[in-house]
Every structure is written in structure tokens, then in C-alpha cells.
Amino acid sequence: SEGAVGGYWGLFDADRQDKGILEG
């Protein structure tokens, strides 16, 4: 419903892996 951008606001990815948003 929101295009690609809608699926990528997470601090962790959909596999629950750390995206490095909060630290490091």
C-alpha cells in the first residue's frame, strides 16, 4: 500500500536482525 518505503521503517529488519540503527 505504501511502496517499497513502507516496509522499511524498522529498527530491526523483518528477520529480527539488527540494522545498526541504535548503536554501533
PDB file of all heavy atoms in Angstrom:
ATOM      1  N   SER A   1       0.797  -1.220   0.000  1.00  0.00           N
ATOM      2  CA  SER A   1       0.000   0.000   0.000  1.00  0.00           C
ATOM      3  C   SER A   1       0.834   1.276   0.000  1.00  0.00           C
ATOM      4  O   SER A   1       0.345   2.340  -0.383  1.00  0.00           O
ATOM      5  CB  SER A   1      -0.933   0.023   1.218  1.00  0.00           C
ATOM      6  OG  SER A   1      -0.183  -0.083   2.420  1.00  0.00           O
ATOM      7  N   GLU A   2       2.108   1.184   0.413  1.00  0.00           N
ATOM      8  CA  GLU A   2       2.935   2.384   0.541  1.00  0.00           C
ATOM      9  C   GLU A   2       4.173   2.355  -0.345  1.00  0.00           C
ATOM     10  O   GLU A   2       5.033   3.232  -0.240  1.00  0.00           O
ATOM     11  CB  GLU A   2       3.370   2.563   1.999  1.00  0.00           C
ATOM     12  CG  GLU A   2       2.211   2.731   2.966  1.00  0.00           C
ATOM     13  CD  GLU A   2       2.669   2.855   4.412  1.00  0.00           C
ATOM     14  OE1 GLU A   2       3.890   3.064   4.628  1.00  0.00           O
ATOM     15  OE2 GLU A   2       1.830   2.750   5.315  1.00  0.00           O
ATOM     16  N   GLY A   3       4.293   1.359  -1.212  1.00  0.00           N
ATOM     17  CA  GLY A   3       5.513   1.233  -1.987  1.00  0.00           C
ATOM     18  C   GLY A   3       6.644   0.689  -1.131  1.00  0.00           C
ATOM     19  O   GLY A   3       6.475   0.370   0.048  1.00  0.00           O
ATOM     20  N   ALA A   4       7.823   0.596  -1.737  1.00  0.00           N
ATOM     21  CA  ALA A   4       8.958  -0.021  -1.044  1.00  0.00           C
ATOM     22  C   ALA A   4       9.235   0.628   0.298  1.00  0.00           C
ATOM     23  O   ALA A   4       9.525  -0.053   1.290  1.00  0.00           O
ATOM     24  CB  ALA A   4      10.205   0.054  -1.924  1.00  0.00           C
ATOM     25  N   VAL A   5       9.111   1.951   0.365  1.00  0.00           N
ATOM     26  CA  VAL A   5       9.489   2.665   1.582  1.00  0.00           C
ATOM     27  C   VAL A   5       8.651   2.233   2.778  1.00  0.00           C
ATOM     28  O   VAL A   5       9.119   2.249   3.919  1.00  0.00           O
ATOM     29  CB  VAL A   5       9.372   4.195   1.338  1.00  0.00           C
ATOM     30  CG1 VAL A   5       7.914   4.622   1.240  1.00  0.00           C
ATOM     31  CG2 VAL A   5      10.084   4.978   2.416  1.00  0.00           C
ATOM     32  N   GLY A   6       7.404   1.801   2.544  1.00  0.00           N
ATOM     33  CA  GLY A   6       6.539   1.433   3.650  1.00  0.00           C
ATOM     34  C   GLY A   6       7.029   0.248   4.445  1.00  0.00           C
ATOM     35  O   GLY A   6       6.696   0.107   5.633  1.00  0.00           O
ATOM     36  N   GLY A   7       7.821  -0.610   3.841  1.00  0.00           N
ATOM     37  CA  GLY A   7       8.281  -1.807   4.523  1.00  0.00           C
ATOM     38  C   GLY A   7       9.580  -1.672   5.273  1.00  0.00           C
ATOM     39  O   GLY A   7      10.075  -2.672   5.815  1.00  0.00           O
ATOM     40  N   TYR A   8      10.134  -0.446   5.360  1.00  0.00           N
ATOM     41  CA  TYR A   8      11.496  -0.318   5.891  1.00  0.00           C
ATOM     42  C   TYR A   8      11.643   0.828   6.897  1.00  0.00           C
ATOM     43  O   TYR A   8      12.554   1.633   6.819  1.00  0.00           O
ATOM     44  CB  TYR A   8      12.475  -0.120   4.733  1.00  0.00           C
ATOM     45  CG  TYR A   8      12.559  -1.314   3.821  1.00  0.00           C
ATOM     46  CD1 TYR A   8      11.854  -1.353   2.625  1.00  0.00           C
ATOM     47  CD2 TYR A   8      13.297  -2.437   4.174  1.00  0.00           C
ATOM     48  CE1 TYR A   8      11.909  -2.457   1.793  1.00  0.00           C
ATOM     49  CE2 TYR A   8      13.357  -3.552   3.354  1.00  0.00           C
ATOM     50  CZ  TYR A   8      12.660  -3.551   2.162  1.00  0.00           C
ATOM     51  OH  TYR A   8      12.709  -4.661   1.341  1.00  0.00           O
ATOM     52  N   TRP A   9      10.743   0.857   7.872  1.00  0.00           N
ATOM     53  CA  TRP A   9      10.854   1.842   8.948  1.00  0.00           C
ATOM     54  C   TRP A   9      11.358   1.204  10.244  1.00  0.00           C
ATOM     55  O   TRP A   9      11.450   1.873  11.274  1.00  0.00           O
ATOM     56  CB  TRP A   9       9.501   2.503   9.203  1.00  0.00           C
ATOM     57  CG  TRP A   9       9.072   3.423   8.112  1.00  0.00           C
ATOM     58  CD1 TRP A   9       8.572   3.077   6.889  1.00  0.00           C
ATOM     59  CD2 TRP A   9       9.112   4.852   8.125  1.00  0.00           C
ATOM     60  NE1 TRP A   9       8.299   4.202   6.147  1.00  0.00           N
ATOM     61  CE2 TRP A   9       8.618   5.297   6.884  1.00  0.00           C
ATOM     62  CE3 TRP A   9       9.510   5.790   9.066  1.00  0.00           C
ATOM     63  CZ2 TRP A   9       8.516   6.655   6.562  1.00  0.00           C
ATOM     64  CZ3 TRP A   9       9.407   7.141   8.759  1.00  0.00           C
ATOM     65  CH2 TRP A   9       8.922   7.559   7.521  1.00  0.00           C
ATOM     66  N   GLY A  10      11.680  -0.067  10.208  1.00  0.00           N
ATOM     67  CA  GLY A  10      12.029  -0.776  11.422  1.00  0.00           C
ATOM     68  C   GLY A  10      13.419  -0.460  11.946  1.00  0.00           C
ATOM     69  O   GLY A  10      14.333  -0.108  11.189  1.00  0.00           O
ATOM     70  N   LEU A  11      13.573  -0.618  13.253  1.00  0.00           N
ATOM     71  CA  LEU A  11      14.890  -0.542  13.877  1.00  0.00           C
ATOM     72  C   LEU A  11      15.620  -1.872  13.714  1.00  0.00           C
ATOM     73  O   LEU A  11      16.844  -1.928  13.764  1.00  0.00           O
ATOM     74  CB  LEU A  11      14.744  -0.194  15.359  1.00  0.00           C
ATOM     75  CG  LEU A  11      13.946   1.092  15.639  1.00  0.00           C
ATOM     76  CD1 LEU A  11      13.680   1.240  17.126  1.00  0.00           C
ATOM     77  CD2 LEU A  11      14.663   2.308  15.092  1.00  0.00           C
ATOM     78  N   PHE A  12      14.839  -2.943  13.527  1.00  0.00           N
ATOM     79  CA  PHE A  12      15.351  -4.263  13.183  1.00  0.00           C
ATOM     80  C   PHE A  12      14.673  -4.665  11.870  1.00  0.00           C
ATOM     81  O   PHE A  12      13.579  -4.193  11.560  1.00  0.00           O
ATOM     82  CB  PHE A  12      15.029  -5.290  14.276  1.00  0.00           C
ATOM     83  CG  PHE A  12      15.627  -4.967  15.620  1.00  0.00           C
ATOM     84  CD1 PHE A  12      14.973  -4.136  16.505  1.00  0.00           C
ATOM     85  CD2 PHE A  12      16.848  -5.502  15.989  1.00  0.00           C
ATOM     86  CE1 PHE A  12      15.511  -3.832  17.747  1.00  0.00           C
ATOM     87  CE2 PHE A  12      17.409  -5.209  17.228  1.00  0.00           C
ATOM     88  CZ  PHE A  12      16.750  -4.367  18.110  1.00  0.00           C
ATOM     89  N   ASP A  13      15.307  -5.547  11.110  1.00  0.00           N
ATOM     90  CA  ASP A  13      14.691  -5.941   9.846  1.00  0.00           C
ATOM     91  C   ASP A  13      13.607  -6.997  10.086  1.00  0.00           C
ATOM     92  O   ASP A  13      13.338  -7.397  11.225  1.00  0.00           O
ATOM     93  CB  ASP A  13      15.741  -6.396   8.828  1.00  0.00           C
ATOM     94  CG  ASP A  13      16.430  -7.709   9.190  1.00  0.00           C
ATOM     95  OD1 ASP A  13      15.877  -8.491  10.005  1.00  0.00           O
ATOM     96  OD2 ASP A  13      17.521  -7.968   8.653  1.00  0.00           O
ATOM     97  N   ALA A  14      12.979  -7.447   9.016  1.00  0.00           N
ATOM     98  CA  ALA A  14      11.852  -8.377   9.154  1.00  0.00           C
ATOM     99  C   ALA A  14      12.286  -9.730   9.690  1.00  0.00           C
ATOM    100  O   ALA A  14      11.448 -10.482  10.203  1.00  0.00           O
ATOM    101  CB  ALA A  14      11.155  -8.542   7.808  1.00  0.00           C
ATOM    102  N   ASP A  15      13.574 -10.055   9.596  1.00  0.00           N
ATOM    103  CA  ASP A  15      14.111 -11.288  10.171  1.00  0.00           C
ATOM    104  C   ASP A  15      14.580 -11.096  11.602  1.00  0.00           C
ATOM    105  O   ASP A  15      15.222 -11.973  12.179  1.00  0.00           O
ATOM    106  CB  ASP A  15      15.267 -11.803   9.318  1.00  0.00           C
ATOM    107  CG  ASP A  15      14.803 -12.287   7.956  1.00  0.00           C
ATOM    108  OD1 ASP A  15      13.811 -13.045   7.911  1.00  0.00           O
ATOM    109  OD2 ASP A  15      15.422 -11.907   6.945  1.00  0.00           O
ATOM    110  N   ARG A  16      14.286  -9.905  12.154  1.00  0.00           N
ATOM    111  CA  ARG A  16      14.653  -9.543  13.529  1.00  0.00           C
ATOM    112  C   ARG A  16      16.157  -9.390  13.694  1.00  0.00           C
ATOM    113  O   ARG A  16      16.700  -9.524  14.807  1.00  0.00           O
ATOM    114  CB  ARG A  16      14.122 -10.566  14.537  1.00  0.00           C
ATOM    115  CG  ARG A  16      12.659 -10.413  14.951  1.00  0.00           C
ATOM    116  CD  ARG A  16      11.691 -10.218  13.845  1.00  0.00           C
ATOM    117  NE  ARG A  16      10.323 -10.053  14.354  1.00  0.00           N
ATOM    118  CZ  ARG A  16       9.275  -9.802  13.582  1.00  0.00           C
ATOM    119  NH1 ARG A  16       9.418  -9.677  12.270  1.00  0.00           N
ATOM    120  NH2 ARG A  16       8.070  -9.648  14.113  1.00  0.00           N
ATOM    121  N   GLN A  17      16.848  -9.071  12.605  1.00  0.00           N
ATOM    122  CA  GLN A  17      18.281  -8.795  12.675  1.00  0.00           C
ATOM    123  C   GLN A  17      18.514  -7.302  12.887  1.00  0.00           C
ATOM    124  O   GLN A  17      17.804  -6.467  12.333  1.00  0.00           O
ATOM    125  CB  GLN A  17      18.974  -9.262  11.390  1.00  0.00           C
ATOM    126  CG  GLN A  17      18.854 -10.751  11.130  1.00  0.00           C
ATOM    127  CD  GLN A  17      19.442 -11.575  12.246  1.00  0.00           C
ATOM    128  OE1 GLN A  17      20.603 -11.411  12.617  1.00  0.00           O
ATOM    129  NE2 GLN A  17      18.637 -12.482  12.798  1.00  0.00           N
ATOM    130  N   ASP A  18      19.513  -6.977  13.674  1.00  0.00           N
ATOM    131  CA  ASP A  18      19.825  -5.589  13.989  1.00  0.00           C
ATOM    132  C   ASP A  18      20.299  -4.848  12.742  1.00  0.00           C
ATOM    133  O   ASP A  18      21.214  -5.294  12.044  1.00  0.00           O
ATOM    134  CB  ASP A  18      20.914  -5.557  15.063  1.00  0.00           C
ATOM    135  CG  ASP A  18      21.114  -4.176  15.656  1.00  0.00           C
ATOM    136  OD1 ASP A  18      20.509  -3.212  15.159  1.00  0.00           O
ATOM    137  OD2 ASP A  18      21.885  -4.063  16.623  1.00  0.00           O
ATOM    138  N   LYS A  19      19.687  -3.719  12.435  1.00  0.00           N
ATOM    139  CA  LYS A  19      20.088  -2.896  11.289  1.00  0.00           C
ATOM    140  C   LYS A  19      21.159  -1.872  11.660  1.00  0.00           C
ATOM    141  O   LYS A  19      21.599  -1.103  10.807  1.00  0.00           O
ATOM    142  CB  LYS A  19      18.863  -2.181  10.707  1.00  0.00           C
ATOM    143  CG  LYS A  19      17.870  -3.122  10.029  1.00  0.00           C
ATOM    144  CD  LYS A  19      16.509  -2.497   9.817  1.00  0.00           C
ATOM    145  CE  LYS A  19      16.529  -1.289   8.915  1.00  0.00           C
ATOM    146  NZ  LYS A  19      15.154  -0.776   8.648  1.00  0.00           N
ATOM    147  N   GLY A  20      21.564  -1.855  12.916  1.00  0.00           N
ATOM    148  CA  GLY A  20      22.581  -0.897  13.342  1.00  0.00           C
ATOM    149  C   GLY A  20      22.037   0.500  13.543  1.00  0.00           C
ATOM    150  O   GLY A  20      22.803   1.468  13.524  1.00  0.00           O
ATOM    151  N   ILE A  21      20.733   0.638  13.755  1.00  0.00           N
ATOM    152  CA  ILE A  21      20.119   1.957  13.850  1.00  0.00           C
ATOM    153  C   ILE A  21      20.385   2.604  15.205  1.00  0.00           C
ATOM    154  O   ILE A  21      20.571   3.814  15.289  1.00  0.00           O
ATOM    155  CB  ILE A  21      18.604   1.862  13.596  1.00  0.00           C
ATOM    156  CG1 ILE A  21      18.321   1.191  12.244  1.00  0.00           C
ATOM    157  CG2 ILE A  21      17.965   3.236  13.658  1.00  0.00           C
ATOM    158  CD1 ILE A  21      18.962   1.887  11.062  1.00  0.00           C
ATOM    159  N   LEU A  22      20.434   1.822  16.266  1.00  0.00           N
ATOM    160  CA  LEU A  22      20.507   2.380  17.613  1.00  0.00           C
ATOM    161  C   LEU A  22      21.918   2.481  18.171  1.00  0.00           C
ATOM    162  O   LEU A  22      22.193   3.369  18.977  1.00  0.00           O
ATOM    163  CB  LEU A  22      19.660   1.535  18.572  1.00  0.00           C
ATOM    164  CG  LEU A  22      18.158   1.470  18.259  1.00  0.00           C
ATOM    165  CD1 LEU A  22      17.460   0.533  19.227  1.00  0.00           C
ATOM    166  CD2 LEU A  22      17.537   2.857  18.293  1.00  0.00           C
ATOM    167  N   GLU A  23      22.790   1.610  17.761  1.00  0.00           N
ATOM    168  CA  GLU A  23      24.141   1.647  18.307  1.00  0.00           C
ATOM    169  C   GLU A  23      25.119   0.992  17.344  1.00  0.00           C
ATOM    170  O   GLU A  23      24.742   0.195  16.481  1.00  0.00           O
ATOM    171  CB  GLU A  23      24.187   0.928  19.656  1.00  0.00           C
ATOM    172  CG  GLU A  23      23.809  -0.535  19.611  1.00  0.00           C
ATOM    173  CD  GLU A  23      23.917  -1.214  20.964  1.00  0.00           C
ATOM    174  OE1 GLU A  23      24.807  -0.829  21.748  1.00  0.00           O
ATOM    175  OE2 GLU A  23      23.113  -2.116  21.237  1.00  0.00           O
ATOM    176  N   GLY A  24      26.394   1.355  17.502  1.00  0.00           N
ATOM    177  CA  GLY A  24      27.443   0.784  16.674  1.00  0.00           C
ATOM    178  C   GLY A  24      27.502   1.406  15.286  1.00  0.00           C
ATOM    179  O   GLY A  24      26.696   2.265  14.937  1.00  0.00           O
TER     180      GLY A  24
END
